Amino acid sequence: MHIIENDNAEVKKTLVLNPSEAWEIVEHLQHQIKEGRESIEIAIEYDK
């Protein structure tokens, strides 16, 4: 996974994922949705 800097005011960062990384996020979201969460949070750590 890597991050692309973006000058668009609405999009601060763009994540570029390989398919397995993307699937991890999908599974994480599915799990939170199935739990009936009212809001879903995704925290992404990266080195600058």
Protein backbone atom coordinates (compact mmCIF):
# COMPACT_ATOMS: atom_id res chain seq x y z
CA MET A 1 0.00 0.00 0.00
CA HIS A 2 1.21 3.47 -0.70
CA ILE A 3 -0.23 6.97 -0.53
CA ILE A 4 -0.33 9.56 -3.28
CA GLU A 5 -0.37 13.23 -2.30
CA ASN A 6 -3.31 14.98 -3.92
CA ASP A 7 -3.82 18.73 -4.34
CA ASN A 8 -7.62 18.38 -4.58
CA ALA A 9 -9.08 20.17 -1.55
CA GLU A 10 -11.70 17.45 -1.06
CA VAL A 11 -9.25 14.54 -1.21
CA LYS A 12 -6.20 14.82 0.99
CA LYS A 13 -4.70 11.38 0.40
CA THR A 14 -5.22 8.60 -2.11
CA LEU A 15 -4.47 5.03 -1.09
CA VAL A 16 -3.14 2.66 -3.70
CA LEU A 17 -3.72 -0.94 -2.60
CA ASN A 18 -2.88 -4.32 -3.99
CA PRO A 19 -5.87 -6.69 -4.21
CA SER A 20 -5.14 -8.49 -0.92
CA GLU A 21 -4.88 -5.19 0.98
CA ALA A 22 -8.13 -3.99 -0.57
CA TRP A 23 -9.84 -7.24 0.40
CA GLU A 24 -8.69 -6.81 4.02
CA ILE A 25 -10.49 -3.47 4.11
CA VAL A 26 -13.63 -4.96 2.52
CA GLU A 27 -13.68 -7.75 5.13
CA HIS A 28 -13.17 -5.24 7.93
CA LEU A 29 -16.11 -3.15 6.68
CA GLN A 30 -18.34 -6.21 6.24
CA HIS A 31 -17.62 -7.30 9.81
CA GLN A 32 -18.49 -3.87 11.24
CA ILE A 33 -21.68 -3.66 9.16
CA LYS A 34 -22.79 -7.13 10.29
CA GLU A 35 -22.27 -6.05 13.92
CA GLY A 36 -24.82 -3.30 13.29
CA ARG A 37 -22.48 -0.44 14.02
CA GLU A 38 -23.97 3.01 13.59
CA SER A 39 -20.69 4.39 12.29
CA ILE A 40 -17.67 2.73 10.77
CA GLU A 41 -14.13 3.86 11.37
CA ILE A 42 -11.02 3.04 9.39
CA ALA A 43 -7.66 4.06 10.82
CA ILE A 44 -4.71 3.88 8.48
CA GLU A 45 -1.18 4.23 9.78
CA TYR A 46 1.62 5.18 7.48
CA ASP A 47 5.10 6.68 7.56
CA LYS A 48 5.50 10.14 6.09
